């Protein structure tokens, strides 16, 4: 294994003048790194990887063959304005993944947090904001302007509609279309996504206390069966709960959003 401080660039790779390459990077055969790219220390581009545009990639990321990172948005409103892509540290970006830069109308930047896993063929569109430890499974796609908080898992072949927010710790089942916001720790599944419960497996894996899980289950039942509109039920929960996890759901539901919510079905 190459020690940090040594950088290897394969003779067939193209690293354009102006690109900034950190210490200990490995750039494999037939990669292309554009002139405005900045790669942190220890980044590895396996082979046939394209990194273009104004793209910053944090340390120790690994990008697999045929990924295309930092290209212009797939948005007809884009007219060549100066935008960028920011990727955090220690991400694993697998084969044929695409991540696009932002648009002027969406704030100009697409952001990816730390320690993510982006499996083969998945897509992160313009102006998406991703938290830490996000997993996007094979061939799933995030449309423009989505916000995905920490510790979310998005199942394979799923699609997330533009402007949707997905709260921390939620899980999206495979082959699911998500058209509305998903509460923190929610479980969404079915071809047209339905809020079908809580991500109990994920909560237990994270070591969340039994008392908090019990509070979350009671809160979910109130959201599903309580009186009044969904947001009214959430506000009442906020007045009654002492659980930080339930409070997180309340804050998420009562925050500003461009979409409505996936709400619990009849129980």
Protein backbone atom coordinates (compact mmCIF):
# COMPACT_ATOMS: atom_id res chain seq x y z
CA UNK A 1 0.00 0.00 0.00
CA UNK A 2 1.32 3.45 -0.93
CA UNK A 3 2.31 5.54 2.09
CA UNK A 4 0.74 8.96 2.48
CA UNK A 5 3.00 11.49 0.85
CA UNK A 6 3.54 9.54 -2.36
CA UNK A 7 1.26 10.18 -5.31
CA UNK A 8 0.90 7.82 -8.26
CA UNK A 9 -0.53 8.94 -11.61
CA UNK A 10 -0.76 6.32 -14.33
CA UNK A 11 0.88 7.39 -17.61
CA UNK A 12 -2.41 7.02 -19.48
CA UNK A 13 -4.30 9.32 -17.07
CA UNK A 14 -4.90 12.97 -17.94
CA UNK A 15 -4.56 15.47 -15.10
CA UNK A 16 -5.11 18.92 -16.52
CA UNK A 17 -3.01 21.91 -15.52
CA UNK A 18 -4.53 23.67 -12.53
CA UNK A 19 -5.86 20.54 -10.84
CA UNK A 20 -4.79 20.20 -7.20
CA UNK A 21 -3.84 16.67 -6.18
CA UNK A 22 -3.27 15.86 -2.50
CA UNK A 23 -0.58 13.70 -1.00
CA UNK A 24 -0.80 9.95 -1.40
CA UNK A 25 -3.38 10.03 -4.20
CA UNK A 26 -3.57 7.23 -6.76
CA UNK A 27 -4.95 8.07 -10.19
CA UNK A 28 -5.37 4.95 -12.30
CA UNK A 29 -5.39 4.20 -16.00
CA UNK A 30 -7.41 6.38 -18.38
CA UNK A 31 -8.77 8.72 -15.71
CA UNK A 32 -9.45 12.36 -16.56
CA UNK A 33 -9.14 15.07 -13.89
CA UNK A 34 -10.22 18.58 -14.90
CA UNK A 35 -8.35 21.84 -14.25
CA UNK A 36 -10.61 23.05 -11.41
CA UNK A 37 -10.68 19.79 -9.47
CA UNK A 38 -9.21 19.50 -5.96
CA UNK A 39 -8.54 16.02 -4.62
CA UNK A 40 -7.77 15.60 -0.91
CA UNK A 41 -5.01 13.44 0.47
CA UNK A 42 -5.28 9.72 -0.15
CA UNK A 43 -7.98 9.85 -2.84
CA UNK A 44 -7.95 6.88 -5.22
CA UNK A 45 -9.45 6.92 -8.70
CA UNK A 46 -9.40 3.30 -9.83
CA UNK A 47 -9.55 3.64 -13.63
CA UNK A 48 -11.64 5.33 -16.36
CA UNK A 49 -12.95 7.87 -13.82
CA UNK A 50 -13.93 11.37 -14.92
CA UNK A 51 -13.78 14.18 -12.34
CA UNK A 52 -14.63 17.53 -13.89
CA UNK A 53 -15.93 21.01 -13.17
CA UNK A 54 -15.25 22.82 -9.91
CA UNK A 55 -15.24 19.68 -7.78
CA UNK A 56 -13.70 19.25 -4.34
CA UNK A 57 -13.27 15.70 -3.02
CA UNK A 58 -12.24 15.04 0.59
CA UNK A 59 -9.49 12.78 1.82
CA UNK A 60 -9.44 9.01 1.41
CA UNK A 61 -12.35 8.81 -1.03
CA UNK A 62 -12.28 5.87 -3.43
CA UNK A 63 -13.91 6.13 -6.86
CA UNK A 64 -14.44 3.05 -9.01
CA UNK A 65 -14.31 2.67 -12.81
CA UNK A 66 -16.57 4.67 -15.12
CA UNK A 67 -17.91 7.01 -12.45
CA UNK A 68 -18.56 10.56 -13.72
CA UNK A 69 -18.20 13.17 -10.98
CA UNK A 70 -18.83 16.92 -11.25
CA UNK A 71 -20.32 17.18 -14.72
CA UNK A 72 -22.89 19.85 -15.55
CA UNK A 73 -26.49 19.37 -14.35
CA UNK A 74 -29.11 17.48 -16.32
CA UNK A 75 -31.30 20.57 -16.22
CA UNK A 76 -32.45 22.54 -19.26
CA UNK A 77 -32.41 25.74 -17.18
CA UNK A 78 -28.64 25.45 -16.77
CA UNK A 79 -26.90 28.00 -18.99
CA UNK A 80 -23.27 27.40 -18.10
CA UNK A 81 -23.16 29.42 -14.89
CA UNK A 82 -20.33 28.82 -12.42
CA UNK A 83 -21.41 26.10 -9.95
CA UNK A 84 -19.67 23.34 -8.01
CA UNK A 85 -19.75 19.94 -6.33
CA UNK A 86 -18.39 19.39 -2.81
CA UNK A 87 -17.74 15.82 -1.62
CA UNK A 88 -16.64 15.01 1.92
CA UNK A 89 -14.13 12.49 3.20
CA UNK A 90 -13.96 8.69 3.02
CA UNK A 91 -16.77 8.18 0.53
CA UNK A 92 -16.95 5.02 -1.57
CA UNK A 93 -18.27 5.82 -5.04
CA UNK A 94 -18.82 2.69 -7.07
CA UNK A 95 -18.96 1.94 -10.80
CA UNK A 96 -21.00 4.18 -13.13
CA UNK A 97 -22.11 6.57 -10.37
CA UNK A 98 -22.95 10.11 -11.54
CA UNK A 99 -22.86 13.21 -9.33
CA UNK A 100 -23.64 16.60 -10.88
CA UNK A 101 -22.68 20.14 -9.93
CA UNK A 102 -25.31 22.61 -8.73
CA UNK A 103 -27.38 25.23 -10.53
CA UNK A 104 -27.70 28.95 -9.96
CA UNK A 105 -31.38 28.53 -9.05
CA UNK A 106 -30.59 25.87 -6.44
CA UNK A 107 -27.82 27.71 -4.61
CA UNK A 108 -24.97 26.76 -6.91
CA UNK A 109 -23.61 23.76 -5.04
CA UNK A 110 -24.28 20.04 -4.66
CA UNK A 111 -22.95 18.70 -1.34
CA UNK A 112 -22.12 15.17 -0.25
CA UNK A 113 -21.15 14.51 3.38
CA UNK A 114 -18.60 12.10 4.84
CA UNK A 115 -18.43 8.29 4.95
CA UNK A 116 -21.10 7.62 2.32
CA UNK A 117 -21.51 4.55 0.15
CA UNK A 118 -22.82 5.11 -3.37
CA UNK A 119 -23.35 1.77 -5.06
CA UNK A 120 -23.10 1.03 -8.76
CA UNK A 121 -25.19 3.11 -11.13
CA UNK A 122 -26.77 5.50 -8.64
CA UNK A 123 -27.28 9.20 -9.39
CA UNK A 124 -26.97 12.37 -7.29
CA UNK A 125 -28.50 15.29 -9.18
CA UNK A 126 -27.87 19.03 -9.05
CA UNK A 127 -28.23 20.93 -5.77
CA UNK A 128 -28.77 17.78 -3.69
CA UNK A 129 -27.60 18.12 -0.07
CA UNK A 130 -26.50 14.82 1.49
CA UNK A 131 -25.53 14.25 5.11
CA UNK A 132 -23.02 11.83 6.58
CA UNK A 133 -23.06 8.02 6.38
CA UNK A 134 -25.70 7.98 3.64
CA UNK A 135 -26.04 4.76 1.64
CA UNK A 136 -27.55 4.89 -1.85
CA UNK A 137 -27.99 1.39 -3.26
CA UNK A 138 -27.57 0.27 -6.88
CA UNK A 139 -29.37 2.29 -9.55
CA UNK A 140 -31.25 4.53 -7.12
CA UNK A 141 -31.62 8.17 -8.17
CA UNK A 142 -31.92 11.43 -6.24
CA UNK A 143 -33.51 14.22 -8.28
CA UNK A 144 -32.52 17.86 -8.01
CA UNK A 145 -32.70 19.87 -4.77
CA UNK A 146 -33.31 16.86 -2.47
CA UNK A 147 -32.13 17.06 1.13
CA UNK A 148 -31.06 13.78 2.72
CA UNK A 149 -29.99 13.88 6.36
CA UNK A 150 -27.45 11.67 8.18
CA UNK A 151 -27.67 7.85 8.32
CA UNK A 152 -30.30 7.44 5.58
CA UNK A 153 -30.43 4.29 3.44
CA UNK A 154 -32.05 4.48 -0.01
CA UNK A 155 -32.85 1.07 -1.48
CA UNK A 156 -31.93 -0.13 -4.94
CA UNK A 157 -33.86 1.02 -8.01
CA UNK A 158 -35.64 3.71 -5.96
CA UNK A 159 -36.35 7.24 -7.13
CA UNK A 160 -36.61 10.37 -4.98
CA UNK A 161 -38.60 13.27 -6.42
CA UNK A 162 -37.03 16.72 -6.66
CA UNK A 163 -37.22 18.94 -3.53
CA UNK A 164 -38.04 15.99 -1.25
CA UNK A 165 -36.50 15.95 2.25
CA UNK A 166 -35.60 12.68 3.96
CA UNK A 167 -35.03 12.91 7.70
CA UNK A 168 -32.18 11.41 9.67
CA UNK A 169 -32.09 7.65 10.06
CA UNK A 170 -34.93 6.95 7.60
CA UNK A 171 -34.85 3.94 5.30
CA UNK A 172 -36.34 3.69 1.80
CA UNK A 173 -37.14 0.18 0.60
CA UNK A 174 -36.10 -1.09 -2.82
CA UNK A 175 -38.05 -0.13 -5.96
CA UNK A 176 -39.82 2.75 -4.21
CA UNK A 177 -40.87 6.11 -5.63
CA UNK A 178 -40.64 8.80 -2.96
CA UNK A 179 -42.72 11.85 -3.85
CA UNK A 180 -43.09 13.57 -0.47
CA UNK A 181 -41.00 14.30 2.63
CA UNK A 182 -40.06 11.41 4.94
CA UNK A 183 -39.92 11.93 8.72
CA UNK A 184 -36.72 11.05 10.62
CA UNK A 185 -36.42 7.31 11.34
CA UNK A 186 -39.32 6.56 8.99
CA UNK A 187 -39.66 3.35 6.97
CA UNK A 188 -40.94 3.89 3.42
CA UNK A 189 -41.76 1.14 0.96
CA UNK A 190 -44.13 0.13 -1.87
CA UNK A 191 -43.95 1.14 -5.55
CA UNK A 192 -45.53 4.49 -4.70
CA UNK A 193 -43.81 5.12 -1.40
CA UNK A 194 -45.91 4.86 1.77
CA UNK A 195 -44.80 5.63 5.30
CA UNK A 196 -45.14 2.13 6.68
CA UNK A 197 -43.59 2.42 10.14
CA UNK A 198 -40.26 3.23 11.75
CA UNK A 199 -36.74 2.11 10.88
CA UNK A 200 -36.56 -0.01 14.04
CA UNK A 201 -33.64 -2.10 12.78
CA UNK A 202 -31.59 1.02 12.15
CA UNK A 203 -32.46 2.48 15.55
CA UNK A 204 -31.38 -0.70 17.34
CA UNK A 205 -28.15 -0.90 15.33
CA UNK A 206 -27.33 2.64 16.42
CA UNK A 207 -27.82 1.70 20.07
CA UNK A 208 -30.83 3.96 20.65
CA UNK A 209 -32.23 3.36 24.14
CA UNK A 210 -35.33 1.20 24.49
CA UNK A 211 -37.15 4.10 26.18
CA UNK A 212 -36.57 6.32 23.15
CA UNK A 213 -37.71 3.58 20.75
CA UNK A 214 -40.87 3.16 22.84
CA UNK A 215 -41.44 6.93 22.70
CA UNK A 216 -40.95 6.91 18.93
CA UNK A 217 -43.45 4.09 18.48
CA UNK A 218 -46.02 5.92 20.57
CA UNK A 219 -45.38 9.10 18.61
CA UNK A 220 -45.82 7.29 15.31
CA UNK A 221 -49.15 5.87 16.49
CA UNK A 222 -50.31 9.35 17.47
CA UNK A 223 -49.27 10.72 14.09
CA UNK A 224 -51.23 7.92 12.42
CA UNK A 225 -54.39 7.97 14.51
CA UNK A 226 -54.58 11.27 16.37
CA UNK A 227 -57.13 13.99 15.73
CA UNK A 228 -56.56 16.91 13.38
CA UNK A 229 -54.19 17.44 10.48
CA UNK A 230 -50.79 15.74 10.36
CA UNK A 231 -48.88 18.89 11.31
CA UNK A 232 -51.32 19.64 14.15
CA UNK A 233 -50.66 16.20 15.58
CA UNK A 234 -46.93 16.81 15.33
CA UNK A 235 -47.24 20.13 17.19
CA UNK A 236 -49.15 18.42 20.00
CA UNK A 237 -46.41 15.81 20.21
CA UNK A 238 -43.89 18.61 20.62
CA UNK A 239 -45.79 19.93 23.62
CA UNK A 240 -45.92 16.50 25.29
CA UNK A 241 -42.65 14.71 24.56
CA UNK A 242 -39.35 14.66 26.41
CA UNK A 243 -37.61 12.43 23.86
CA UNK A 244 -34.99 14.10 21.69
CA UNK A 245 -35.81 11.64 18.90
CA UNK A 246 -39.50 12.52 18.91
CA UNK A 247 -38.55 16.20 19.08
CA UNK A 248 -36.44 15.67 15.94
CA UNK A 249 -39.52 14.40 14.08
CA UNK A 250 -41.59 17.34 15.36
CA UNK A 251 -38.99 19.86 14.23
CA UNK A 252 -38.75 18.18 10.83
CA UNK A 253 -42.52 18.19 10.26
CA UNK A 254 -42.98 21.80 11.38
CA UNK A 255 -40.05 23.15 9.33
CA UNK A 256 -40.52 24.86 5.98
CA UNK A 257 -40.72 22.49 2.99
CA UNK A 258 -41.47 22.60 -0.72
CA UNK A 259 -43.32 19.27 -0.52
CA UNK A 260 -46.06 17.69 1.59
CA UNK A 261 -45.37 14.63 3.75
CA UNK A 262 -45.68 10.91 3.43
CA UNK A 263 -48.09 10.19 6.28
CA UNK A 264 -48.81 6.93 8.11
CA UNK A 265 -51.55 4.77 6.65
CA UNK A 266 -54.45 3.33 8.60
CA UNK A 267 -53.27 1.13 11.49
